[in-house]
PDB file of N, CA and C in Angstrom:
ATOM      1  N   MET A   1     157.312 118.204 104.438  1.00  0.00           N
ATOM      2  CA  MET A   1     158.838 116.896 104.334  1.00  0.00           C
ATOM      3  C   MET A   1     159.175 116.843 105.343  1.00  0.00           C
ATOM      4  N   ILE A   2     159.372 115.599 105.292  1.00  0.00           N
ATOM      5  CA  ILE A   2     160.881 115.272 106.946  1.00  0.00           C
ATOM      6  C   ILE A   2     161.584 116.083 107.593  1.00  0.00           C
ATOM      7  N   LYS A   3     161.346 115.681 108.954  1.00  0.00           N
ATOM      8  CA  LYS A   3     162.659 116.918 109.375  1.00  0.00           C
ATOM      9  C   LYS A   3     163.650 115.287 110.547  1.00  0.00           C
ATOM     10  N   GLU A   4     164.059 115.528 111.429  1.00  0.00           N
ATOM     11  CA  GLU A   4     164.596 115.224 112.643  1.00  0.00           C
ATOM     12  C   GLU A   4     163.591 115.293 112.892  1.00  0.00           C
ATOM     13  N   LEU A   5     163.689 114.019 114.369  1.00  0.00           N
ATOM     14  CA  LEU A   5     162.366 113.724 115.390  1.00  0.00           C
ATOM     15  C   LEU A   5     161.504 113.237 114.759  1.00  0.00           C
ATOM     16  N   ASP A   6     161.310 113.705 114.249  1.00  0.00           N
ATOM     17  CA  ASP A   6     159.791 113.256 112.870  1.00  0.00           C
ATOM     18  C   ASP A   6     159.583 111.704 113.640  1.00  0.00           C
ATOM     19  N   SER A   7     157.880 111.469 113.889  1.00  0.00           N
ATOM     20  CA  SER A   7     157.414 109.250 114.022  1.00  0.00           C
ATOM     21  C   SER A   7     156.995 110.106 112.134  1.00  0.00           C
ATOM     22  N   VAL A   8     157.139 108.747 111.910  1.00  0.00           N
ATOM     23  CA  VAL A   8     157.390 108.170 110.066  1.00  0.00           C
ATOM     24  C   VAL A   8     157.026 106.425 110.338  1.00  0.00           C
ATOM     25  N   VAL A   9     156.260 106.254 109.777  1.00  0.00           N
ATOM     26  CA  VAL A   9     155.689 104.637 108.802  1.00  0.00           C
ATOM     27  C   VAL A   9     156.732 104.038 107.807  1.00  0.00           C
ATOM     28  N   LEU A  10     156.892 102.331 108.345  1.00  0.00           N
ATOM     29  CA  LEU A  10     157.438 101.808 107.335  1.00  0.00           C
ATOM     30  C   LEU A  10     156.498 101.916 106.468  1.00  0.00           C
ATOM     31  N   THR A  11     157.412 101.840 105.055  1.00  0.00           N
ATOM     32  CA  THR A  11     156.363 101.641 103.360  1.00  0.00           C
ATOM     33  C   THR A  11     155.841 100.060 103.309  1.00  0.00           C
ATOM     34  N   THR A  12     156.980  99.690 103.853  1.00  0.00           N
ATOM     35  CA  THR A  12     157.478  97.809 103.659  1.00  0.00           C
ATOM     36  C   THR A  12     158.076  97.006 104.586  1.00  0.00           C
ATOM     37  N   ASP A  13     158.316  96.127 103.963  1.00  0.00           N
ATOM     38  CA  ASP A  13     157.796  95.743 104.960  1.00  0.00           C
ATOM     39  C   ASP A  13     160.024  95.336 104.824  1.00  0.00           C
ATOM     40  N   LEU A  14     161.023  94.802 106.050  1.00  0.00           N
ATOM     41  CA  LEU A  14     162.233  94.621 106.201  1.00  0.00           C
ATOM     42  C   LEU A  14     162.193  93.594 107.314  1.00  0.00           C
ATOM     43  N   PRO A  15     162.038  92.119 106.717  1.00  0.00           N
ATOM     44  CA  PRO A  15     162.094  91.304 106.963  1.00  0.00           C
ATOM     45  C   PRO A  15     163.766  90.751 108.298  1.00  0.00           C
ATOM     46  N   GLU A  16     164.864  91.080 107.448  1.00  0.00           N
ATOM     47  CA  GLU A  16     166.359  91.150 107.516  1.00  0.00           C
ATOM     48  C   GLU A  16     166.859  92.206 109.378  1.00  0.00           C
ATOM     49  N   HIS A  17     165.033  93.134 109.097  1.00  0.00           N
ATOM     50  CA  HIS A  17     165.273  93.995 110.507  1.00  0.00           C
ATOM     51  C   HIS A  17     165.064  93.877 111.369  1.00  0.00           C
ATOM     52  N   GLY A  18     163.824  92.820 111.096  1.00  0.00           N
ATOM     53  CA  GLY A  18     162.605  92.457 112.371  1.00  0.00           C
ATOM     54  C   GLY A  18     161.173  93.303 112.108  1.00  0.00           C
ATOM     55  N   LEU A  19     161.362  94.212 111.058  1.00  0.00           N
ATOM     56  CA  LEU A  19     160.393  95.231 110.799  1.00  0.00           C
ATOM     57  C   LEU A  19     158.894  94.973 110.179  1.00  0.00           C
ATOM     58  N   ALA A  20     158.390  95.069 110.043  1.00  0.00           N
ATOM     59  CA  ALA A  20     157.243  94.935 109.111  1.00  0.00           C
ATOM     60  C   ALA A  20     156.737  96.780 108.307  1.00  0.00           C
ATOM     61  N   LYS A  21     156.072  96.564 107.051  1.00  0.00           N
ATOM     62  CA  LYS A  21     155.310  97.879 106.661  1.00  0.00           C
ATOM     63  C   LYS A  21     153.899  98.415 107.783  1.00  0.00           C
ATOM     64  N   ASP A  22     153.816  99.682 108.115  1.00  0.00           N
ATOM     65  CA  ASP A  22     153.716  99.750 109.003  1.00  0.00           C
ATOM     66  C   ASP A  22     153.741 100.529 110.768  1.00  0.00           C
ATOM     67  N   ASP A  23     155.326  99.808 110.578  1.00  0.00           N
ATOM     68  CA  ASP A  23     155.624 100.009 111.994  1.00  0.00           C
ATOM     69  C   ASP A  23     156.593 101.528 111.988  1.00  0.00           C
ATOM     70  N   ILE A  24     156.388 102.109 113.093  1.00  0.00           N
ATOM     71  CA  ILE A  24     156.665 103.189 114.070  1.00  0.00           C
ATOM     72  C   ILE A  24     158.140 103.922 113.836  1.00  0.00           C
ATOM     73  N   GLY A  25     158.484 104.716 113.711  1.00  0.00           N
ATOM     74  CA  GLY A  25     159.816 105.074 114.000  1.00  0.00           C
ATOM     75  C   GLY A  25     160.400 106.669 113.782  1.00  0.00           C
ATOM     76  N   THR A  26     161.535 106.557 114.392  1.00  0.00           N
ATOM     77  CA  THR A  26     161.886 107.905 114.860  1.00  0.00           C
ATOM     78  C   THR A  26     162.219 108.141 113.862  1.00  0.00           C
ATOM     79  N   VAL A  27     162.832 109.345 113.423  1.00  0.00           N
ATOM     80  CA  VAL A  27     164.008 109.927 112.708  1.00  0.00           C
ATOM     81  C   VAL A  27     164.728 110.553 113.757  1.00  0.00           C
ATOM     82  N   VAL A  28     165.740 110.034 113.201  1.00  0.00           N
ATOM     83  CA  VAL A  28     167.853 110.135 113.654  1.00  0.00           C
ATOM     84  C   VAL A  28     168.710 111.760 112.705  1.00  0.00           C
ATOM     85  N   LEU A  29     168.290 111.182 111.608  1.00  0.00           N
ATOM     86  CA  LEU A  29     169.021 111.590 110.928  1.00  0.00           C
ATOM     87  C   LEU A  29     168.523 111.946 109.204  1.00  0.00           C
ATOM     88  N   VAL A  30     168.218 113.291 108.731  1.00  0.00           N
ATOM     89  CA  VAL A  30     168.566 113.219 107.240  1.00  0.00           C
ATOM     90  C   VAL A  30     169.360 112.827 106.170  1.00  0.00           C
ATOM     91  N   HIS A  31     169.697 112.859 104.982  1.00  0.00           N
ATOM     92  CA  HIS A  31     170.138 112.514 104.269  1.00  0.00           C
ATOM     93  C   HIS A  31     169.572 113.325 103.526  1.00  0.00           C
ATOM     94  N   GLU A  32     171.124 113.837 102.843  1.00  0.00           N
ATOM     95  CA  GLU A  32     170.918 114.811 101.743  1.00  0.00           C
ATOM     96  C   GLU A  32     169.634 115.323 100.969  1.00  0.00           C
ATOM     97  N   GLY A  33     168.537 116.184 102.276  1.00  0.00           N
ATOM     98  CA  GLY A  33     167.953 116.833 101.972  1.00  0.00           C
ATOM     99  C   GLY A  33     166.789 116.375 101.404  1.00  0.00           C
ATOM    100  N   GLY A  34     166.769 115.079 102.124  1.00  0.00           N
ATOM    101  CA  GLY A  34     165.129 114.493 101.946  1.00  0.00           C
ATOM    102  C   GLY A  34     165.866 113.026 101.557  1.00  0.00           C
ATOM    103  N   LYS A  35     166.505 113.268 100.653  1.00  0.00           N
ATOM    104  CA  LYS A  35     166.501 111.877  99.496  1.00  0.00           C
ATOM    105  C   LYS A  35     166.013 110.265 100.461  1.00  0.00           C
ATOM    106  N   GLY A  36     166.858 109.975 102.200  1.00  0.00           N
ATOM    107  CA  GLY A  36     166.535 109.325 102.493  1.00  0.00           C
ATOM    108  C   GLY A  36     166.819 109.743 104.267  1.00  0.00           C
ATOM    109  N   CYS A  37     166.980 109.250 104.919  1.00  0.00           N
ATOM    110  CA  CYS A  37     166.962 108.772 106.858  1.00  0.00           C
ATOM    111  C   CYS A  37     167.123 107.740 107.233  1.00  0.00           C
ATOM    112  N   THR A  38     168.203 108.154 108.199  1.00  0.00           N
ATOM    113  CA  THR A  38     168.388 107.227 109.267  1.00  0.00           C
ATOM    114  C   THR A  38     167.246 106.895 110.715  1.00  0.00           C
ATOM    115  N   VAL A  39     166.349 106.127 110.379  1.00  0.00           N
ATOM    116  CA  VAL A  39     165.195 105.675 111.183  1.00  0.00           C
ATOM    117  C   VAL A  39     165.422 104.889 112.541  1.00  0.00           C
ATOM    118  N   GLU A  40     165.094 105.202 113.852  1.00  0.00           N
ATOM    119  CA  GLU A  40     165.525 103.488 114.907  1.00  0.00           C
ATOM    120  C   GLU A  40     163.268 103.455 115.397  1.00  0.00           C
ATOM    121  N   PHE A  41     164.099 102.507 115.267  1.00  0.00           N
ATOM    122  CA  PHE A  41     162.785 101.352 115.780  1.00  0.00           C
ATOM    123  C   PHE A  41     162.854 101.019 116.973  1.00  0.00           C
ATOM    124  N   MET A  42     162.324 101.183 117.942  1.00  0.00           N
ATOM    125  CA  MET A  42     161.864 100.416 119.574  1.00  0.00           C
ATOM    126  C   MET A  42     160.268 100.304 119.984  1.00  0.00           C
ATOM    127  N   THR A  43     160.612  98.862 120.790  1.00  0.00           N
ATOM    128  CA  THR A  43     159.398  98.589 121.277  1.00  0.00           C
ATOM    129  C   THR A  43     159.019  99.728 121.500  1.00  0.00           C
ATOM    130  N   LEU A  44     157.915  99.628 122.860  1.00  0.00           N
ATOM    131  CA  LEU A  44     156.824 100.306 123.171  1.00  0.00           C
ATOM    132  C   LEU A  44     157.327 100.311 125.311  1.00  0.00           C
ATOM    133  N   ALA A  45     158.133  99.709 124.831  1.00  0.00           N
ATOM    134  CA  ALA A  45     159.056  99.440 126.449  1.00  0.00           C
ATOM    135  C   ALA A  45     159.859 100.481 126.200  1.00  0.00           C
ATOM    136  N   GLY A  46     161.286 100.810 125.292  1.00  0.00           N
ATOM    137  CA  GLY A  46     162.173 101.797 124.855  1.00  0.00           C
ATOM    138  C   GLY A  46     163.544 100.738 123.957  1.00  0.00           C
ATOM    139  N   LYS A  47     163.382  99.884 123.883  1.00  0.00           N
ATOM    140  CA  LYS A  47     164.320  99.351 124.012  1.00  0.00           C
ATOM    141  C   LYS A  47     164.764  99.202 121.837  1.00  0.00           C
ATOM    142  N   THR A  48     165.005  99.608 121.539  1.00  0.00           N
ATOM    143  CA  THR A  48     165.751 100.080 119.865  1.00  0.00           C
ATOM    144  C   THR A  48     165.725  97.888 119.796  1.00  0.00           C
ATOM    145  N   LEU A  49     164.911  97.901 118.232  1.00  0.00           N
ATOM    146  CA  LEU A  49     164.821  97.100 118.224  1.00  0.00           C
ATOM    147  C   LEU A  49     165.793  97.555 115.813  1.00  0.00           C
ATOM    148  N   ALA A  50     166.202  98.054 115.381  1.00  0.00           N
ATOM    149  CA  ALA A  50     166.744  98.697 114.790  1.00  0.00           C
ATOM    150  C   ALA A  50     167.080  99.564 114.613  1.00  0.00           C
ATOM    151  N   VAL A  51     167.986 100.350 113.143  1.00  0.00           N
ATOM    152  CA  VAL A  51     168.554 101.784 112.776  1.00  0.00           C
ATOM    153  C   VAL A  51     169.097 101.399 112.054  1.00  0.00           C
ATOM    154  N   VAL A  52     167.813 102.242 110.734  1.00  0.00           N
ATOM    155  CA  VAL A  52     167.976 101.596 109.964  1.00  0.00           C
ATOM    156  C   VAL A  52     167.963 102.779 108.857  1.00  0.00           C
ATOM    157  N   THR A  53     168.786 102.835 107.306  1.00  0.00           N
ATOM    158  CA  THR A  53     169.628 103.484 106.681  1.00  0.00           C
ATOM    159  C   THR A  53     167.945 103.112 105.490  1.00  0.00           C
ATOM    160  N   LEU A  54     167.506 105.020 105.088  1.00  0.00           N
ATOM    161  CA  LEU A  54     166.457 103.688 104.191  1.00  0.00           C
ATOM    162  C   LEU A  54     165.918 105.367 103.151  1.00  0.00           C
ATOM    163  N   LEU A  55     165.766 104.874 101.823  1.00  0.00           N
ATOM    164  CA  LEU A  55     165.236 105.647 101.145  1.00  0.00           C
ATOM    165  C   LEU A  55     163.344 106.157 101.754  1.00  0.00           C
ATOM    166  N   ALA A  56     163.248 107.270 100.438  1.00  0.00           N
ATOM    167  CA  ALA A  56     162.398 108.288 100.775  1.00  0.00           C
ATOM    168  C   ALA A  56     160.797 108.035 100.692  1.00  0.00           C
ATOM    169  N   ASP A  57     160.936 106.860  99.817  1.00  0.00           N
ATOM    170  CA  ASP A  57     159.969 106.240  99.129  1.00  0.00           C
ATOM    171  C   ASP A  57     159.846 104.698 100.618  1.00  0.00           C
ATOM    172  N   GLN A  58     160.535 105.067 101.509  1.00  0.00           N
ATOM    173  CA  GLN A  58     160.625 103.483 102.284  1.00  0.00           C
ATOM    174  C   GLN A  58     159.270 103.882 103.695  1.00  0.00           C
ATOM    175  N   ILE A  59     159.695 105.588 104.026  1.00  0.00           N
ATOM    176  CA  ILE A  59     159.070 105.840 104.485  1.00  0.00           C
ATOM    177  C   ILE A  59     157.880 107.107 104.464  1.00  0.00           C
ATOM    178  N   ARG A  60     157.065 107.042 105.014  1.00  0.00           N
ATOM    179  CA  ARG A  60     156.198 108.602 104.734  1.00  0.00           C
ATOM    180  C   ARG A  60     155.847 108.787 106.781  1.00  0.00           C
ATOM    181  N   GLN A  61     155.231 110.210 106.106  1.00  0.00           N
ATOM    182  CA  GLN A  61     154.531 110.627 107.474  1.00  0.00           C
ATOM    183  C   GLN A  61     153.477 110.548 107.860  1.00  0.00           C
ATOM    184  N   ILE A  62     153.006 110.236 108.962  1.00  0.00           N
ATOM    185  CA  ILE A  62     151.709 109.878 110.027  1.00  0.00           C
ATOM    186  C   ILE A  62     150.857 110.597 109.598  1.00  0.00           C
ATOM    187  N   ALA A  63     149.446 110.510 109.468  1.00  0.00           N
ATOM    188  CA  ALA A  63     148.343 110.694 108.934  1.00  0.00           C
ATOM    189  C   ALA A  63     147.532 111.441 109.849  1.00  0.00           C
ATOM    190  N   LYS A  64     147.413 112.112 109.897  1.00  0.00           N
ATOM    191  CA  LYS A  64     146.559 112.975 110.981  1.00  0.00           C
ATOM    192  C   LYS A  64     144.986 112.159 111.158  1.00  0.00           C
ATOM    193  N   ASP A  65     144.348 110.975 110.567  1.00  0.00           N
ATOM    194  CA  ASP A  65     142.916 110.334 111.282  1.00  0.00           C
ATOM    195  C   ASP A  65     143.772 108.407 111.105  1.00  0.00           C
ATOM    196  N   GLU A  66     145.378 108.744 111.714  1.00  0.00           N
ATOM    197  CA  GLU A  66     145.731 107.213 111.954  1.00  0.00           C
ATOM    198  C   GLU A  66     145.811 106.488 113.347  1.00  0.00           C
ATOM    199  N   ILE A  67     145.991 105.770 113.679  1.00  0.00           N
ATOM    200  CA  ILE A  67     146.003 105.121 115.198  1.00  0.00           C
ATOM    201  C   ILE A  67     147.143 104.681 115.115  1.00  0.00           C
ATOM    202  N   ALA A  68     147.441 104.780 116.196  1.00  0.00           N
ATOM    203  CA  ALA A  68     148.688 103.332 117.093  1.00  0.00           C
ATOM    204  C   ALA A  68     148.673 102.442 116.713  1.00  0.00           C
ATOM    205  N   HIS A  69     149.252 100.535 117.169  1.00  0.00           N
ATOM    206  CA  HIS A  69     148.747  99.636 116.919  1.00  0.00           C
ATOM    207  C   HIS A  69     149.421  99.137 117.056  1.00  0.00           C
ATOM    208  N   ALA A  70     149.924  97.890 117.977  1.00  0.00           N
ATOM    209  CA  ALA A  70     150.778  96.900 118.969  1.00  0.00           C
ATOM    210  C   ALA A  70     150.664  96.223 118.072  1.00  0.00           C
ATOM    211  N   ARG A  71     152.109  95.691 117.920  1.00  0.00           N
ATOM    212  CA  ARG A  71     152.342  93.554 117.807  1.00  0.00           C
ATOM    213  C   ARG A  71     153.215  93.500 118.423  1.00  0.00           C
ATOM    214  N   HIS A  72     153.318  92.974 118.637  1.00  0.00           N
ATOM    215  CA  HIS A  72     154.463  91.537 119.094  1.00  0.00           C
ATOM    216  C   HIS A  72     155.625  91.404 118.114  1.00  0.00           C
ATOM    217  N   VAL A  73     156.516  91.034 118.416  1.00  0.00           N
ATOM    218  CA  VAL A  73     158.119  91.290 117.731  1.00  0.00           C
ATOM    219  C   VAL A  73     158.875  89.954 118.154  1.00  0.00           C
ATOM    220  N   ALA A  74     160.323  89.551 117.561  1.00  0.00           N
ATOM    221  CA  ALA A  74     160.391  87.877 117.779  1.00  0.00           C
ATOM    222  C   ALA A  74     161.503  88.325 119.146  1.00  0.00           C
ATOM    223  N   ALA A  75     161.911  87.630 119.521  1.00  0.00           N
ATOM    224  CA  ALA A  75     162.591  87.613 120.432  1.00  0.00           C
ATOM    225  C   ALA A  75     164.575  87.917 120.306  1.00  0.00           C
TER     226      ALA A  75
END
């Protein structure tokens, strides 16, 4: 179960927020027992790109055998 402060992976593109599938964010609030979460997405330098409330199927936990990947974001 996903908890507050967990790192999670986005499962869909959210172009209206400048986010892409597989971006990693941090859960800041869990809603209704896990039906949704508010997630903060930041650059590696610490600048917040978006804080978005998402449904449970729009994020997933990070698997043990995954590696992070960096990408440039629009200014």
